[in-house]
Amino acid sequence: MALKVILTAAVLTLLTRAGVEGNNDGVSSGHCGLAGAASLLMRPASPSQALDPITIVVKNNNPNEEKTYETSVANGGILIGAMTRLMMNDNSFTFTYIMDINYGPFLESVNGVAGNNKDQTYWELLVIKPDGSTIKPNVGIGCYIPNAKDKILFNFTTWEWSEGCQEV
């Protein structure tokens, strides 16, 4: 019980900071903020979680490859957890990410293929919902919470410089 009280206090601190530092929604700015902290309050104290099935599809148009993987995510868990679970259980799936101090994990490579600025390539995250609709989450792998039977699509694609952008 004492641990639950301490964790609740820590989450409330995160909620307060997310509201002050973020744009008050904490999600659209690229990090979990309020939504992530609030979801921690709703988690059961038990370490055992129900697992929901999801599908991960890796699509690379150059060369034309598409691989499909079945995995699971803890109910209310984040996508990076499901990806890690998949990588631990299937050595044909790998991924790397860079930890950004402001925005959290940024997906760098999938199955050995990395995006880069020179070629203007990256891994786009799309989600195909069970009803067939496709969404582009406004958060990344460290904050997106998949639902049961979601199909997560990692699409290796290109981007274009827009006016006003500069390379760093």
Protein backbone atom coordinates (compact mmCIF):
# COMPACT_ATOMS: atom_id res chain seq x y z
CA MET A 1 0.00 0.00 0.00
CA ALA A 2 2.81 2.41 0.88
CA LEU A 3 4.44 1.74 -2.50
CA LYS A 4 1.17 2.58 -4.27
CA VAL A 5 0.99 5.90 -2.37
CA ILE A 6 4.60 6.74 -3.28
CA LEU A 7 3.98 5.88 -6.94
CA THR A 8 0.79 7.94 -6.97
CA ALA A 9 2.70 10.93 -5.56
CA ALA A 10 5.39 10.49 -8.23
CA VAL A 11 2.77 10.36 -10.98
CA LEU A 12 1.05 13.47 -9.63
CA THR A 13 4.41 15.24 -9.77
CA LEU A 14 4.75 14.16 -13.41
CA LEU A 15 1.23 15.40 -14.12
CA THR A 16 2.06 18.78 -12.63
CA ARG A 17 5.31 19.09 -14.57
CA ALA A 18 3.70 17.93 -17.83
CA GLY A 19 1.06 20.63 -17.49
CA VAL A 20 3.67 23.31 -16.79
CA GLU A 21 6.34 22.27 -19.28
CA GLY A 22 4.16 21.00 -22.10
CA ASN A 23 1.35 22.47 -24.09
CA ASN A 24 -1.22 21.19 -21.59
CA ASP A 25 -2.09 18.10 -23.60
CA GLY A 26 1.35 16.53 -23.24
CA VAL A 27 0.78 14.21 -26.19
CA SER A 28 0.82 16.20 -29.40
CA SER A 29 4.16 17.72 -28.53
CA GLY A 30 5.84 14.34 -29.02
CA HIS A 31 6.13 13.10 -25.43
CA CYS A 32 3.78 11.34 -23.04
CA GLY A 33 3.16 14.15 -20.56
CA LEU A 34 -0.32 14.16 -19.03
CA ALA A 35 -1.67 11.18 -20.95
CA GLY A 36 1.25 8.95 -20.05
CA ALA A 37 1.31 9.99 -16.43
CA ALA A 38 -2.46 9.64 -16.08
CA SER A 39 -2.36 6.15 -17.56
CA LEU A 40 0.10 5.14 -14.83
CA LEU A 41 -2.51 5.97 -12.20
CA MET A 42 -4.98 3.58 -13.82
CA ARG A 43 -2.65 0.58 -13.89
CA PRO A 44 -3.25 -2.27 -11.46
CA ALA A 45 -0.66 -2.81 -8.72
CA SER A 46 -0.12 -6.41 -9.88
CA PRO A 47 2.97 -7.02 -12.03
CA SER A 48 1.05 -9.58 -14.14
CA GLN A 49 -0.78 -8.00 -17.05
CA ALA A 50 -3.21 -9.33 -19.62
CA LEU A 51 -1.59 -9.40 -23.06
CA ASP A 52 -3.42 -8.15 -26.14
CA PRO A 53 -2.49 -9.52 -29.59
CA ILE A 54 -1.16 -7.07 -32.18
CA THR A 55 0.46 -7.41 -35.59
CA ILE A 56 3.60 -5.57 -36.67
CA VAL A 57 4.18 -5.11 -40.40
CA VAL A 58 7.55 -3.90 -41.68
CA LYS A 59 7.30 -2.43 -45.18
CA ASN A 60 10.31 -1.34 -47.21
CA ASN A 61 9.67 -0.28 -50.81
CA ASN A 62 13.37 -0.34 -51.72
CA PRO A 63 13.84 -3.27 -52.03
CA ASN A 64 10.17 -4.21 -52.13
CA GLU A 65 9.84 -6.19 -48.89
CA GLU A 66 7.05 -6.66 -46.42
CA LYS A 67 7.31 -8.83 -43.32
CA THR A 68 4.50 -9.53 -40.86
CA TYR A 69 4.99 -10.46 -37.22
CA GLU A 70 2.53 -11.45 -34.50
CA THR A 71 3.24 -10.26 -30.97
CA SER A 72 1.45 -8.95 -27.92
CA VAL A 73 1.35 -5.86 -25.75
CA ALA A 74 0.41 -5.53 -22.10
CA ASN A 75 -3.08 -4.10 -21.76
CA GLY A 76 -2.40 -0.34 -21.60
CA GLY A 77 1.29 -0.92 -22.42
CA ILE A 78 3.35 1.06 -24.92
CA LEU A 79 4.43 0.03 -28.41
CA ILE A 80 8.16 -0.08 -27.62
CA GLY A 81 7.36 -2.80 -25.05
CA ALA A 82 5.62 -4.94 -27.68
CA MET A 83 8.53 -4.36 -30.07
CA THR A 84 11.02 -5.43 -27.40
CA ARG A 85 8.93 -8.53 -26.61
CA LEU A 86 8.90 -9.40 -30.33
CA MET A 87 12.66 -8.88 -30.69
CA MET A 88 13.31 -11.14 -27.67
CA ASN A 89 11.14 -13.91 -29.16
CA ASP A 90 11.92 -13.64 -32.89
CA ASN A 91 15.49 -12.97 -34.00
CA SER A 92 14.30 -11.96 -37.49
CA PHE A 93 12.88 -8.74 -36.02
CA THR A 94 15.28 -6.07 -34.77
CA PHE A 95 15.07 -2.38 -34.11
CA THR A 96 17.19 0.43 -32.72
CA TYR A 97 16.24 3.83 -31.42
CA ILE A 98 17.87 7.04 -30.27
CA MET A 99 16.76 8.49 -26.94
CA ASP A 100 15.94 12.17 -27.31
CA ILE A 101 16.01 14.02 -23.99
CA ASN A 102 12.93 16.07 -24.94
CA TYR A 103 10.80 13.70 -26.98
CA GLY A 104 11.77 10.18 -25.89
CA PRO A 105 12.69 7.26 -28.13
CA PHE A 106 13.07 8.01 -31.85
CA LEU A 107 12.95 4.92 -34.08
CA GLU A 108 16.26 4.71 -35.91
CA SER A 109 16.26 1.34 -37.69
CA VAL A 110 14.10 -1.72 -38.26
CA ASN A 111 15.57 -5.05 -39.36
CA GLY A 112 18.93 -3.42 -40.02
CA VAL A 113 17.59 -0.65 -42.27
CA ALA A 114 18.14 2.85 -40.89
CA GLY A 115 16.69 6.13 -42.02
CA ASN A 116 19.08 9.01 -42.66
CA ASN A 117 19.09 12.70 -43.48
CA LYS A 118 21.22 12.36 -46.63
CA ASP A 119 18.71 10.08 -48.35
CA GLN A 120 15.81 11.81 -46.57
CA THR A 121 14.42 8.49 -45.31
CA TYR A 122 12.74 7.46 -42.08
CA TRP A 123 10.43 4.85 -40.56
CA GLU A 124 6.87 6.14 -40.63
CA LEU A 125 4.54 4.81 -37.92
CA LEU A 126 1.01 4.03 -39.07
CA VAL A 127 -1.73 2.05 -37.31
CA ILE A 128 -4.38 0.08 -39.15
CA LYS A 129 -7.33 -0.29 -36.78
CA PRO A 130 -9.49 -3.45 -36.70
CA ASP A 131 -12.21 -1.59 -38.67
CA GLY A 132 -9.70 -1.01 -41.52
CA SER A 133 -9.13 2.71 -40.91
CA THR A 134 -5.54 3.95 -40.84
CA ILE A 135 -4.24 6.53 -38.41
CA LYS A 136 -0.90 8.31 -38.08
CA PRO A 137 -0.30 8.66 -34.32
CA ASN A 138 0.93 12.04 -33.10
CA VAL A 139 3.31 10.21 -30.74
CA GLY A 140 6.10 7.70 -31.31
CA ILE A 141 6.96 4.19 -30.18
CA GLY A 142 7.62 5.27 -26.60
CA CYS A 143 4.16 6.76 -26.04
CA TYR A 144 1.77 5.02 -28.45
CA ILE A 145 -0.54 2.58 -26.62
CA PRO A 146 -1.77 -0.10 -29.05
CA ASN A 147 -5.20 -1.64 -28.72
CA ALA A 148 -5.92 -5.34 -29.17
CA LYS A 149 -5.79 -6.41 -32.83
CA ASP A 150 -4.15 -3.19 -34.04
CA LYS A 151 -1.87 -3.65 -37.03
CA ILE A 152 1.24 -1.52 -36.55
CA LEU A 153 2.82 -0.57 -39.88
CA PHE A 154 6.44 0.57 -40.00
CA ASN A 155 6.74 2.06 -43.48
CA PHE A 156 10.24 2.97 -44.70
CA THR A 157 9.66 6.12 -46.70
CA THR A 158 11.11 9.48 -47.72
CA TRP A 159 10.48 13.02 -46.58
CA GLU A 160 11.09 16.38 -48.21
CA TRP A 161 12.67 19.50 -46.78
CA SER A 162 10.11 22.21 -46.32
CA GLU A 163 10.94 25.88 -46.56
CA GLY A 164 12.28 27.18 -43.28
CA CYS A 165 13.80 23.85 -42.24
CA GLN A 166 17.51 23.53 -41.89
CA GLU A 167 19.76 20.53 -41.42
CA VAL A 168 21.40 20.21 -38.03
